[in-house]
Amino acid sequence: MLQLVLISIALLASSINAATLHNTPFQAISGVDGPTIKPNTRYRAYQNRDWPSFDYTTSFTPTLQTCAETATASQRSFFTYNTITKACTLKNPTSLPGAGMTVPFRNSVIWGTFDLDFNDAYDFYDADDVFMAPRVVGSISACQDWCIANSATCAMATFHQGKCYLKQPVYTSDNNIYAGFVWNFFDPNPNFASADRR
């Protein structure tokens, strides 16, 4: 009997944890673009948004921009910042062979995002809490184009096995929390061949 209770508690905790890793339904988002941190490097941050879980390291920085600079120095693309506690938490996607992550900017790449993903997190769900199917696309650059076309809701996307999964950070009522990412822009177009060939 005790074993059944423990299993039920574990399953409930798992379902609660999973529920915090996406928005139901997905919502319109509006990011603030920060200034250039260094040549070809900028950041975008979304207020009242979080990347829960996937923590890599936490430090304390005086501003949102210095948090983005910390991410840049650490070559980590995703971060969460709290303007009250000054906590800057860098995020670490998990292994997903063949995957490529991208953001809604043309001529751009982000660090450490091949063979990685925020697995089963930040995906799009509808009002009935049903997972929204990914779009079939031919390459990571096509996935990026789809994210750009849906930038009112897409903050990032993952290309894996010919499918494009649009994602966004999770809403929080705390307006001191910002979810952000650092991105690098290039001209001409970056070489996505390493992801396209998969």
N, C-alpha and C. Protein backbone atom coordinates (compact mmCIF):
# COMPACT_ATOMS: atom_id res chain seq x y z
N MET A 1 0.82 -1.20 0.00
CA MET A 1 0.00 0.00 0.00
C MET A 1 0.87 1.27 0.00
N LEU A 2 1.87 1.25 0.90
CA LEU A 2 2.78 2.40 0.99
C LEU A 2 3.49 2.62 -0.34
N GLN A 3 3.87 1.52 -1.01
CA GLN A 3 4.55 1.64 -2.30
C GLN A 3 3.65 2.31 -3.34
N LEU A 4 2.34 1.95 -3.34
CA LEU A 4 1.40 2.57 -4.28
C LEU A 4 1.24 4.06 -4.01
N VAL A 5 1.22 4.43 -2.73
CA VAL A 5 1.11 5.84 -2.37
C VAL A 5 2.33 6.60 -2.85
N LEU A 6 3.52 6.03 -2.64
CA LEU A 6 4.76 6.68 -3.07
C LEU A 6 4.82 6.84 -4.58
N ILE A 7 4.36 5.82 -5.29
CA ILE A 7 4.33 5.90 -6.76
C ILE A 7 3.37 7.00 -7.20
N SER A 8 2.19 7.09 -6.56
CA SER A 8 1.22 8.12 -6.91
C SER A 8 1.77 9.51 -6.67
N ILE A 9 2.47 9.68 -5.54
CA ILE A 9 3.08 10.98 -5.23
C ILE A 9 4.13 11.33 -6.28
N ALA A 10 4.93 10.35 -6.66
CA ALA A 10 5.97 10.58 -7.66
C ALA A 10 5.37 10.98 -9.00
N LEU A 11 4.27 10.29 -9.38
CA LEU A 11 3.63 10.61 -10.64
C LEU A 11 3.01 12.00 -10.60
N LEU A 12 2.41 12.36 -9.47
CA LEU A 12 1.83 13.68 -9.34
C LEU A 12 2.89 14.76 -9.42
N ALA A 13 4.01 14.54 -8.74
CA ALA A 13 5.12 15.51 -8.78
C ALA A 13 5.65 15.65 -10.19
N SER A 14 5.72 14.52 -10.91
CA SER A 14 6.19 14.55 -12.29
C SER A 14 5.25 15.35 -13.17
N SER A 15 3.92 15.15 -13.00
CA SER A 15 2.97 15.87 -13.83
C SER A 15 2.98 17.35 -13.51
N ILE A 16 3.14 17.71 -12.24
CA ILE A 16 3.21 19.12 -11.87
C ILE A 16 4.44 19.76 -12.48
N ASN A 17 5.57 19.05 -12.39
CA ASN A 17 6.81 19.58 -12.95
C ASN A 17 6.68 19.78 -14.45
N ALA A 18 6.09 18.79 -15.14
CA ALA A 18 5.93 18.90 -16.59
C ALA A 18 5.04 20.07 -16.95
N ALA A 19 4.00 20.30 -16.13
CA ALA A 19 3.05 21.37 -16.44
C ALA A 19 3.70 22.74 -16.35
N THR A 20 4.74 22.88 -15.54
CA THR A 20 5.39 24.18 -15.39
C THR A 20 6.35 24.47 -16.54
N LEU A 21 6.55 23.53 -17.44
CA LEU A 21 7.54 23.69 -18.49
C LEU A 21 6.94 24.10 -19.83
N HIS A 22 5.66 24.48 -19.84
CA HIS A 22 5.06 25.03 -21.06
C HIS A 22 3.89 25.92 -20.69
N ASN A 23 3.47 26.73 -21.65
CA ASN A 23 2.32 27.61 -21.47
C ASN A 23 1.07 26.97 -22.07
N THR A 24 -0.04 27.07 -21.36
CA THR A 24 -1.31 26.58 -21.90
C THR A 24 -2.34 27.69 -21.84
N PRO A 25 -2.80 28.21 -22.96
CA PRO A 25 -2.22 27.96 -24.29
C PRO A 25 -0.99 28.84 -24.51
N PHE A 26 -0.32 28.65 -25.63
CA PHE A 26 0.81 29.52 -25.93
C PHE A 26 0.29 30.95 -26.12
N GLN A 27 1.13 31.92 -25.84
CA GLN A 27 0.68 33.30 -25.75
C GLN A 27 1.56 34.20 -26.60
N ALA A 28 1.01 35.37 -26.92
CA ALA A 28 1.81 36.38 -27.60
C ALA A 28 2.91 36.87 -26.66
N ILE A 29 4.08 37.08 -27.18
CA ILE A 29 5.21 37.54 -26.38
C ILE A 29 5.86 38.73 -27.07
N SER A 30 6.50 39.56 -26.28
CA SER A 30 7.18 40.73 -26.83
C SER A 30 8.52 40.89 -26.14
N GLY A 31 9.59 40.73 -26.90
CA GLY A 31 10.93 40.81 -26.33
C GLY A 31 11.54 42.19 -26.48
N VAL A 32 12.48 42.49 -25.60
CA VAL A 32 13.25 43.73 -25.66
C VAL A 32 14.65 43.39 -26.11
N ASP A 33 15.10 44.04 -27.18
CA ASP A 33 16.44 43.78 -27.70
C ASP A 33 17.45 44.70 -27.03
N GLY A 34 18.47 44.09 -26.45
CA GLY A 34 19.51 44.88 -25.80
C GLY A 34 20.54 45.37 -26.81
N PRO A 35 21.44 46.24 -26.37
CA PRO A 35 22.49 46.76 -27.25
C PRO A 35 23.51 45.68 -27.59
N THR A 36 24.36 45.98 -28.53
CA THR A 36 25.45 45.07 -28.90
C THR A 36 26.37 44.88 -27.70
N ILE A 37 26.61 43.62 -27.33
CA ILE A 37 27.48 43.32 -26.20
C ILE A 37 28.95 43.37 -26.63
N LYS A 38 29.21 42.78 -27.78
CA LYS A 38 30.51 42.84 -28.42
C LYS A 38 30.25 42.70 -29.90
N PRO A 39 31.23 42.89 -30.76
CA PRO A 39 30.94 42.82 -32.20
C PRO A 39 30.14 41.56 -32.58
N ASN A 40 29.04 41.79 -33.26
CA ASN A 40 28.18 40.71 -33.77
C ASN A 40 27.42 39.95 -32.70
N THR A 41 27.32 40.48 -31.49
CA THR A 41 26.62 39.76 -30.42
C THR A 41 25.62 40.68 -29.73
N ARG A 42 24.35 40.24 -29.66
CA ARG A 42 23.30 40.99 -28.98
C ARG A 42 22.47 40.03 -28.12
N TYR A 43 21.52 40.60 -27.40
CA TYR A 43 20.64 39.74 -26.62
C TYR A 43 19.20 40.23 -26.72
N ARG A 44 18.27 39.32 -26.46
CA ARG A 44 16.85 39.64 -26.36
C ARG A 44 16.34 39.08 -25.03
N ALA A 45 15.46 39.83 -24.36
CA ALA A 45 14.90 39.39 -23.08
C ALA A 45 13.38 39.60 -23.07
N TYR A 46 12.67 38.68 -22.41
CA TYR A 46 11.22 38.71 -22.32
C TYR A 46 10.83 38.86 -20.85
N GLN A 47 10.16 39.96 -20.51
CA GLN A 47 9.73 40.20 -19.13
C GLN A 47 8.57 39.27 -18.78
N ASN A 48 8.47 38.92 -17.48
CA ASN A 48 7.45 38.00 -16.99
C ASN A 48 7.56 36.62 -17.64
N ARG A 49 8.79 36.26 -17.98
CA ARG A 49 9.04 34.96 -18.62
C ARG A 49 10.23 34.28 -17.96
N ASP A 50 10.22 32.95 -17.99
CA ASP A 50 11.27 32.16 -17.35
C ASP A 50 11.59 30.95 -18.23
N TRP A 51 12.83 30.48 -18.12
CA TRP A 51 13.22 29.17 -18.67
C TRP A 51 13.37 28.25 -17.45
N PRO A 52 12.30 27.69 -16.89
CA PRO A 52 12.45 26.86 -15.69
C PRO A 52 13.24 25.58 -15.97
N SER A 53 13.96 25.15 -14.93
CA SER A 53 14.82 23.95 -15.01
C SER A 53 16.03 24.21 -15.92
N PHE A 54 16.78 23.18 -16.22
CA PHE A 54 17.95 23.23 -17.10
C PHE A 54 19.02 24.22 -16.59
N ASP A 55 19.13 24.40 -15.28
CA ASP A 55 20.09 25.36 -14.74
C ASP A 55 21.53 24.86 -14.93
N TYR A 56 22.39 25.77 -15.35
CA TYR A 56 23.82 25.48 -15.52
C TYR A 56 24.61 26.07 -14.35
N THR A 57 24.48 27.37 -14.15
CA THR A 57 25.14 28.03 -13.02
C THR A 57 24.41 29.33 -12.72
N THR A 58 24.50 29.77 -11.48
CA THR A 58 23.90 31.04 -11.07
C THR A 58 24.96 31.94 -10.44
N SER A 59 24.97 33.19 -10.89
CA SER A 59 25.85 34.20 -10.30
C SER A 59 25.00 35.44 -10.07
N PHE A 60 25.61 36.50 -9.56
CA PHE A 60 24.86 37.71 -9.27
C PHE A 60 25.50 38.88 -10.01
N THR A 61 24.68 39.51 -10.85
CA THR A 61 25.16 40.59 -11.69
C THR A 61 24.26 41.81 -11.49
N PRO A 62 24.77 43.03 -11.64
CA PRO A 62 23.98 44.22 -11.31
C PRO A 62 22.82 44.52 -12.26
N THR A 63 22.91 44.09 -13.51
CA THR A 63 21.88 44.45 -14.48
C THR A 63 21.57 43.28 -15.41
N LEU A 64 20.47 43.42 -16.13
CA LEU A 64 20.10 42.44 -17.15
C LEU A 64 21.20 42.35 -18.21
N GLN A 65 21.74 43.48 -18.59
CA GLN A 65 22.79 43.46 -19.62
C GLN A 65 24.04 42.73 -19.13
N THR A 66 24.43 42.94 -17.87
CA THR A 66 25.62 42.24 -17.38
C THR A 66 25.36 40.75 -17.27
N CYS A 67 24.10 40.35 -17.06
CA CYS A 67 23.77 38.93 -17.09
C CYS A 67 23.97 38.39 -18.51
N ALA A 68 23.51 39.15 -19.50
CA ALA A 68 23.72 38.74 -20.90
C ALA A 68 25.20 38.69 -21.23
N GLU A 69 25.98 39.62 -20.68
CA GLU A 69 27.43 39.60 -20.88
C GLU A 69 28.06 38.37 -20.23
N THR A 70 27.53 37.98 -19.06
CA THR A 70 28.01 36.76 -18.40
C THR A 70 27.73 35.54 -19.26
N ALA A 71 26.54 35.49 -19.84
CA ALA A 71 26.20 34.39 -20.74
C ALA A 71 27.14 34.37 -21.94
N THR A 72 27.42 35.56 -22.46
CA THR A 72 28.33 35.67 -23.61
C THR A 72 29.71 35.15 -23.27
N ALA A 73 30.24 35.57 -22.11
CA ALA A 73 31.58 35.14 -21.70
C ALA A 73 31.64 33.63 -21.47
N SER A 74 30.51 33.06 -21.05
CA SER A 74 30.44 31.62 -20.77
C SER A 74 30.02 30.81 -21.99
N GLN A 75 29.73 31.50 -23.08
CA GLN A 75 29.22 30.88 -24.30
C GLN A 75 27.99 30.01 -24.02
N ARG A 76 27.09 30.60 -23.27
CA ARG A 76 25.78 30.00 -23.01
C ARG A 76 24.73 30.90 -23.64
N SER A 77 23.81 30.33 -24.38
CA SER A 77 22.87 31.13 -25.15
C SER A 77 21.66 31.59 -24.35
N PHE A 78 21.25 30.83 -23.34
CA PHE A 78 20.00 31.12 -22.65
C PHE A 78 20.23 31.45 -21.18
N PHE A 79 19.46 32.41 -20.67
CA PHE A 79 19.62 32.82 -19.28
C PHE A 79 18.30 33.34 -18.72
N THR A 80 18.21 33.36 -17.39
CA THR A 80 17.11 34.00 -16.68
C THR A 80 17.69 34.99 -15.70
N TYR A 81 17.06 36.17 -15.59
CA TYR A 81 17.57 37.21 -14.69
C TYR A 81 16.46 37.73 -13.80
N ASN A 82 16.79 37.94 -12.51
CA ASN A 82 15.86 38.50 -11.54
C ASN A 82 16.36 39.89 -11.15
N THR A 83 15.59 40.93 -11.45
CA THR A 83 16.05 42.29 -11.22
C THR A 83 16.08 42.68 -9.74
N ILE A 84 15.41 41.92 -8.87
CA ILE A 84 15.44 42.19 -7.43
C ILE A 84 16.61 41.48 -6.76
N THR A 85 16.72 40.18 -6.96
CA THR A 85 17.80 39.42 -6.32
C THR A 85 19.12 39.54 -7.06
N LYS A 86 19.04 40.01 -8.32
CA LYS A 86 20.21 40.12 -9.20
C LYS A 86 20.78 38.76 -9.60
N ALA A 87 19.97 37.72 -9.43
CA ALA A 87 20.42 36.37 -9.79
C ALA A 87 20.39 36.19 -11.30
N CYS A 88 21.51 35.76 -11.84
CA CYS A 88 21.67 35.49 -13.27
C CYS A 88 21.92 34.00 -13.44
N THR A 89 20.94 33.29 -13.96
CA THR A 89 21.04 31.84 -14.09
C THR A 89 21.19 31.47 -15.55
N LEU A 90 22.32 30.88 -15.87
CA LEU A 90 22.57 30.41 -17.23
C LEU A 90 21.95 29.03 -17.40
N LYS A 91 21.46 28.76 -18.60
CA LYS A 91 20.74 27.52 -18.87
C LYS A 91 21.56 26.57 -19.72
N ASN A 92 21.30 25.28 -19.52
CA ASN A 92 22.09 24.24 -20.18
C ASN A 92 21.15 23.23 -20.84
N PRO A 93 20.92 23.33 -22.16
CA PRO A 93 20.08 22.34 -22.83
C PRO A 93 20.65 20.93 -22.68
N THR A 94 19.82 19.93 -22.83
CA THR A 94 20.26 18.54 -22.69
C THR A 94 20.51 17.91 -24.05
N SER A 95 21.16 16.78 -24.03
CA SER A 95 21.57 16.11 -25.27
C SER A 95 20.37 15.59 -26.06
N LEU A 96 20.39 15.88 -27.36
CA LEU A 96 19.42 15.33 -28.31
C LEU A 96 20.13 15.19 -29.65
N PRO A 97 20.73 14.03 -29.91
CA PRO A 97 21.51 13.85 -31.14
C PRO A 97 20.74 14.22 -32.38
N GLY A 98 21.36 15.02 -33.24
CA GLY A 98 20.75 15.42 -34.50
C GLY A 98 19.92 16.68 -34.43
N ALA A 99 19.75 17.23 -33.23
CA ALA A 99 18.92 18.44 -33.08
C ALA A 99 19.74 19.70 -33.33
N GLY A 100 19.05 20.76 -33.71
CA GLY A 100 19.66 22.08 -33.84
C GLY A 100 18.69 23.12 -33.32
N MET A 101 19.18 24.07 -32.52
CA MET A 101 18.33 25.11 -31.95
C MET A 101 18.59 26.43 -32.65
N THR A 102 17.55 27.26 -32.78
CA THR A 102 17.69 28.52 -33.48
C THR A 102 16.77 29.57 -32.85
N VAL A 103 16.98 30.83 -33.22
CA VAL A 103 16.17 31.94 -32.70
C VAL A 103 15.63 32.76 -33.86
N PRO A 104 14.63 33.63 -33.61
CA PRO A 104 13.96 34.30 -34.74
C PRO A 104 14.69 35.52 -35.31
N PHE A 105 15.92 35.30 -35.73
CA PHE A 105 16.70 36.34 -36.40
C PHE A 105 17.42 35.72 -37.59
N ARG A 106 17.28 36.32 -38.76
CA ARG A 106 18.03 35.84 -39.92
C ARG A 106 19.50 36.19 -39.75
N ASN A 107 20.35 35.47 -40.47
CA ASN A 107 21.80 35.70 -40.42
C ASN A 107 22.33 35.58 -38.99
N SER A 108 21.83 34.59 -38.24
CA SER A 108 22.23 34.47 -36.85
C SER A 108 22.46 33.02 -36.46
N VAL A 109 23.28 32.84 -35.45
CA VAL A 109 23.48 31.53 -34.82
C VAL A 109 23.55 31.76 -33.32
N ILE A 110 23.38 30.68 -32.54
CA ILE A 110 23.53 30.74 -31.10
C ILE A 110 24.47 29.63 -30.66
N TRP A 111 25.14 29.84 -29.53
CA TRP A 111 26.17 28.91 -29.08
C TRP A 111 25.61 27.59 -28.58
N GLY A 112 26.42 26.54 -28.72
CA GLY A 112 26.16 25.27 -28.06
C GLY A 112 24.79 24.70 -28.32
N THR A 113 24.34 24.75 -29.57
CA THR A 113 22.95 24.38 -29.82
C THR A 113 22.80 23.27 -30.85
N PHE A 114 23.86 22.58 -31.20
CA PHE A 114 23.75 21.41 -32.06
C PHE A 114 23.82 20.16 -31.19
N ASP A 115 22.95 19.19 -31.49
CA ASP A 115 22.80 17.97 -30.71
C ASP A 115 22.29 18.26 -29.30
N LEU A 116 21.58 19.39 -29.15
CA LEU A 116 21.03 19.78 -27.86
C LEU A 116 19.61 20.31 -28.03
N ASP A 117 18.84 20.25 -26.93
CA ASP A 117 17.48 20.80 -26.94
C ASP A 117 17.02 20.94 -25.49
N PHE A 118 16.03 21.80 -25.28
CA PHE A 118 15.31 21.79 -24.01
C PHE A 118 14.24 20.71 -24.16
N ASN A 119 14.62 19.47 -23.86
CA ASN A 119 13.76 18.33 -24.16
C ASN A 119 12.42 18.42 -23.41
N ASP A 120 11.33 18.27 -24.16
CA ASP A 120 9.98 18.24 -23.59
C ASP A 120 9.68 19.48 -22.76
N ALA A 121 10.20 20.61 -23.17
CA ALA A 121 9.98 21.84 -22.41
C ALA A 121 9.75 23.01 -23.37
N TYR A 122 8.92 23.96 -22.92
CA TYR A 122 8.68 25.23 -23.61
C TYR A 122 7.96 25.06 -24.94
N ASP A 123 7.41 23.88 -25.18
CA ASP A 123 6.70 23.62 -26.43
C ASP A 123 5.34 24.30 -26.44
N PHE A 124 4.70 24.33 -27.61
CA PHE A 124 3.40 24.97 -27.77
C PHE A 124 2.28 23.97 -27.45
N TYR A 125 1.38 24.40 -26.59
CA TYR A 125 0.18 23.62 -26.26
C TYR A 125 -1.04 24.51 -26.50
N ASP A 126 -2.16 23.88 -26.86
CA ASP A 126 -3.37 24.68 -27.09
C ASP A 126 -4.15 24.87 -25.79
N ALA A 127 -5.32 25.51 -25.89
CA ALA A 127 -6.11 25.83 -24.71
C ALA A 127 -6.59 24.58 -23.96
N ASP A 128 -6.63 23.44 -24.65
CA ASP A 128 -7.02 22.18 -24.02
C ASP A 128 -5.82 21.39 -23.52
N ASP A 129 -4.67 22.05 -23.46
CA ASP A 129 -3.43 21.42 -22.99
C ASP A 129 -3.00 20.26 -23.88
N VAL A 130 -3.28 20.39 -25.17
CA VAL A 130 -2.88 19.38 -26.15
C VAL A 130 -1.65 19.89 -26.89
N PHE A 131 -0.65 19.06 -26.99
CA PHE A 131 0.60 19.42 -27.67
C PHE A 131 0.33 19.75 -29.13
N MET A 132 0.85 20.87 -29.59
CA MET A 132 0.67 21.28 -30.98
C MET A 132 1.76 20.66 -31.85
N ALA A 133 1.36 19.95 -32.85
CA ALA A 133 2.30 19.19 -33.68
C ALA A 133 3.32 20.11 -34.34
N PRO A 134 4.57 19.64 -34.46
CA PRO A 134 5.59 20.44 -35.14
C PRO A 134 5.35 20.48 -36.64
N ARG A 135 6.04 21.39 -37.30
CA ARG A 135 5.92 21.52 -38.75
C ARG A 135 7.05 20.75 -39.42
N VAL A 136 6.73 20.06 -40.50
CA VAL A 136 7.75 19.36 -41.28
C VAL A 136 8.48 20.38 -42.16
N VAL A 137 9.80 20.45 -42.02
CA VAL A 137 10.62 21.39 -42.79
C VAL A 137 11.88 20.67 -43.26
N GLY A 138 12.58 21.28 -44.21
CA GLY A 138 13.73 20.61 -44.80
C GLY A 138 15.07 20.89 -44.15
N SER A 139 15.15 21.93 -43.30
CA SER A 139 16.44 22.31 -42.74
C SER A 139 16.26 23.20 -41.52
N ILE A 140 17.34 23.41 -40.80
CA ILE A 140 17.27 24.29 -39.65
C ILE A 140 17.02 25.74 -40.09
N SER A 141 17.53 26.13 -41.25
CA SER A 141 17.27 27.49 -41.72
C SER A 141 15.80 27.68 -42.05
N ALA A 142 15.13 26.63 -42.58
CA ALA A 142 13.69 26.71 -42.82
C ALA A 142 12.92 26.77 -41.51
N CYS A 143 13.42 26.07 -40.51
CA CYS A 143 12.82 26.12 -39.17
C CYS A 143 12.95 27.53 -38.59
N GLN A 144 14.13 28.14 -38.80
CA GLN A 144 14.35 29.51 -38.34
C GLN A 144 13.37 30.46 -39.05
N ASP A 145 13.19 30.27 -40.34
CA ASP A 145 12.25 31.12 -41.09
C ASP A 145 10.83 31.01 -40.54
N TRP A 146 10.44 29.80 -40.15
CA TRP A 146 9.10 29.60 -39.59
C TRP A 146 8.96 30.29 -38.24
N CYS A 147 10.02 30.22 -37.44
CA CYS A 147 10.02 30.92 -36.15
C CYS A 147 9.93 32.43 -36.37
N ILE A 148 10.66 32.93 -37.35
CA ILE A 148 10.60 34.37 -37.67
C ILE A 148 9.20 34.76 -38.10
N ALA A 149 8.58 33.93 -38.94
CA ALA A 149 7.23 34.22 -39.41
C ALA A 149 6.20 34.21 -38.28
N ASN A 150 6.55 33.55 -37.17
CA ASN A 150 5.67 33.46 -36.01
C ASN A 150 6.32 34.09 -34.77
N SER A 151 7.09 35.15 -35.01
CA SER A 151 7.88 35.73 -33.91
C SER A 151 7.02 36.38 -32.83
N ALA A 152 5.73 36.57 -33.09
CA ALA A 152 4.84 37.08 -32.04
C ALA A 152 4.62 36.03 -30.95
N THR A 153 4.92 34.78 -31.26
CA THR A 153 4.80 33.71 -30.27
C THR A 153 6.07 32.89 -30.12
N CYS A 154 6.92 32.86 -31.12
CA CYS A 154 8.12 32.00 -31.10
C CYS A 154 9.34 32.76 -30.60
N ALA A 155 9.93 32.28 -29.52
CA ALA A 155 11.17 32.85 -29.00
C ALA A 155 12.37 32.02 -29.42
N MET A 156 12.16 30.76 -29.71
CA MET A 156 13.22 29.88 -30.20
C MET A 156 12.56 28.67 -30.85
N ALA A 157 13.35 27.90 -31.57
CA ALA A 157 12.82 26.71 -32.21
C ALA A 157 13.90 25.64 -32.25
N THR A 158 13.44 24.40 -32.28
CA THR A 158 14.36 23.27 -32.41
C THR A 158 14.03 22.50 -33.68
N PHE A 159 15.06 22.22 -34.47
CA PHE A 159 14.92 21.41 -35.68
C PHE A 159 15.46 20.02 -35.35
N HIS A 160 14.62 18.99 -35.56
CA HIS A 160 15.05 17.62 -35.25
C HIS A 160 14.29 16.64 -36.12
N GLN A 161 15.05 15.79 -36.81
CA GLN A 161 14.48 14.74 -37.65
C GLN A 161 13.43 15.28 -38.62
N GLY A 162 13.77 16.42 -39.24
CA GLY A 162 12.92 16.98 -40.27
C GLY A 162 11.70 17.73 -39.76
N LYS A 163 11.65 17.99 -38.46
CA LYS A 163 10.51 18.69 -37.88
C LYS A 163 10.99 19.92 -37.11
N CYS A 164 10.14 20.94 -37.10
CA CYS A 164 10.46 22.20 -36.43
C CYS A 164 9.49 22.41 -35.26
N TYR A 165 10.06 22.53 -34.06
CA TYR A 165 9.27 22.71 -32.85
C TYR A 165 9.44 24.15 -32.37
N LEU A 166 8.37 24.94 -32.44
CA LEU A 166 8.42 26.30 -31.93
C LEU A 166 8.29 26.29 -30.41
N LYS A 167 9.02 27.22 -29.75
CA LYS A 167 9.02 27.25 -28.29
C LYS A 167 9.01 28.69 -27.79
N GLN A 168 8.60 28.84 -26.53
CA GLN A 168 8.64 30.15 -25.89
C GLN A 168 8.87 29.96 -24.39
N PRO A 169 9.49 30.94 -23.72
CA PRO A 169 9.67 30.82 -22.27
C PRO A 169 8.32 30.85 -21.56
N VAL A 170 8.33 30.31 -20.35
CA VAL A 170 7.10 30.11 -19.59
C VAL A 170 6.71 31.40 -18.85
N TYR A 171 5.42 31.71 -18.87
CA TYR A 171 4.92 32.91 -18.20
C TYR A 171 5.07 32.80 -16.69
N THR A 172 5.46 33.90 -16.04
CA THR A 172 5.45 34.03 -14.60
C THR A 172 4.81 35.37 -14.23
N SER A 173 4.09 35.40 -13.14
CA SER A 173 3.45 36.64 -12.71
C SER A 173 4.44 37.63 -12.12
N ASP A 174 5.66 37.18 -11.88
CA ASP A 174 6.70 38.04 -11.30
C ASP A 174 7.31 38.90 -12.40
N ASN A 175 7.01 40.21 -12.39
CA ASN A 175 7.53 41.06 -13.46
C ASN A 175 8.99 41.46 -13.27
N ASN A 176 9.64 40.89 -12.26
CA ASN A 176 11.08 41.09 -12.07
C ASN A 176 11.90 40.02 -12.78
N ILE A 177 11.23 39.04 -13.36
CA ILE A 177 11.91 37.92 -14.01
C ILE A 177 11.96 38.15 -15.52
N TYR A 178 13.13 37.93 -16.08
CA TYR A 178 13.33 38.02 -17.53
C TYR A 178 13.96 36.73 -18.04
N ALA A 179 13.42 36.19 -19.12
CA ALA A 179 14.04 35.08 -19.83
C ALA A 179 14.70 35.64 -21.08
N GLY A 180 15.95 35.31 -21.28
CA GLY A 180 16.65 35.89 -22.42
C GLY A 180 17.51 34.91 -23.17
N PHE A 181 18.02 35.37 -24.30
CA PHE A 181 19.01 34.61 -25.04
C PHE A 181 20.00 35.56 -25.70
N VAL A 182 21.19 35.07 -25.89
CA VAL A 182 22.24 35.81 -26.59
C VAL A 182 22.35 35.23 -27.99
N TRP A 183 22.51 36.09 -28.99
CA TRP A 183 22.62 35.59 -30.36
C TRP A 183 23.72 36.34 -31.10
N ASN A 184 24.25 35.67 -32.09
CA ASN A 184 25.33 36.21 -32.91
C ASN A 184 24.83 36.41 -34.32
N PHE A 185 25.07 37.58 -34.87
CA PHE A 185 24.59 37.84 -36.22
C PHE A 185 25.77 37.99 -37.18
N PHE A 186 25.57 37.47 -38.37
CA PHE A 186 26.63 37.42 -39.36
C PHE A 186 26.10 37.85 -40.72
N ASP A 187 26.98 38.29 -41.55
CA ASP A 187 26.66 38.62 -42.93
C ASP A 187 27.89 38.22 -43.77
N PRO A 188 27.77 37.34 -44.70
CA PRO A 188 26.56 36.73 -45.24
C PRO A 188 25.95 35.69 -44.30
N ASN A 189 25.00 34.91 -44.82
CA ASN A 189 24.28 33.93 -44.00
C ASN A 189 25.25 32.97 -43.33
N PRO A 190 24.95 32.57 -42.08
CA PRO A 190 25.79 31.59 -41.41
C PRO A 190 25.67 30.23 -42.09
N ASN A 191 26.64 29.39 -41.86
CA ASN A 191 26.65 28.05 -42.45
C ASN A 191 25.90 27.09 -41.52
N PHE A 192 24.72 26.67 -41.94
CA PHE A 192 23.91 25.75 -41.15
C PHE A 192 24.11 24.30 -41.62
N ALA A 193 25.14 24.05 -42.41
CA ALA A 193 25.26 22.73 -43.04
C ALA A 193 25.32 21.62 -42.02
N SER A 194 25.94 21.84 -40.86
CA SER A 194 26.08 20.77 -39.88
C SER A 194 24.74 20.29 -39.38
N ALA A 195 23.75 21.18 -39.33
CA ALA A 195 22.40 20.75 -38.92
C ALA A 195 21.57 20.33 -40.12
N ASP A 196 21.74 20.99 -41.24
CA ASP A 196 20.94 20.68 -42.43
C ASP A 196 21.13 19.25 -42.89
N ARG A 197 22.30 18.71 -42.69
CA ARG A 197 22.57 17.40 -43.26
C ARG A 197 21.95 16.28 -42.44
N ARG A 198 21.44 16.60 -41.25
CA ARG A 198 20.94 15.54 -40.40
C ARG A 198 19.53 15.15 -40.77
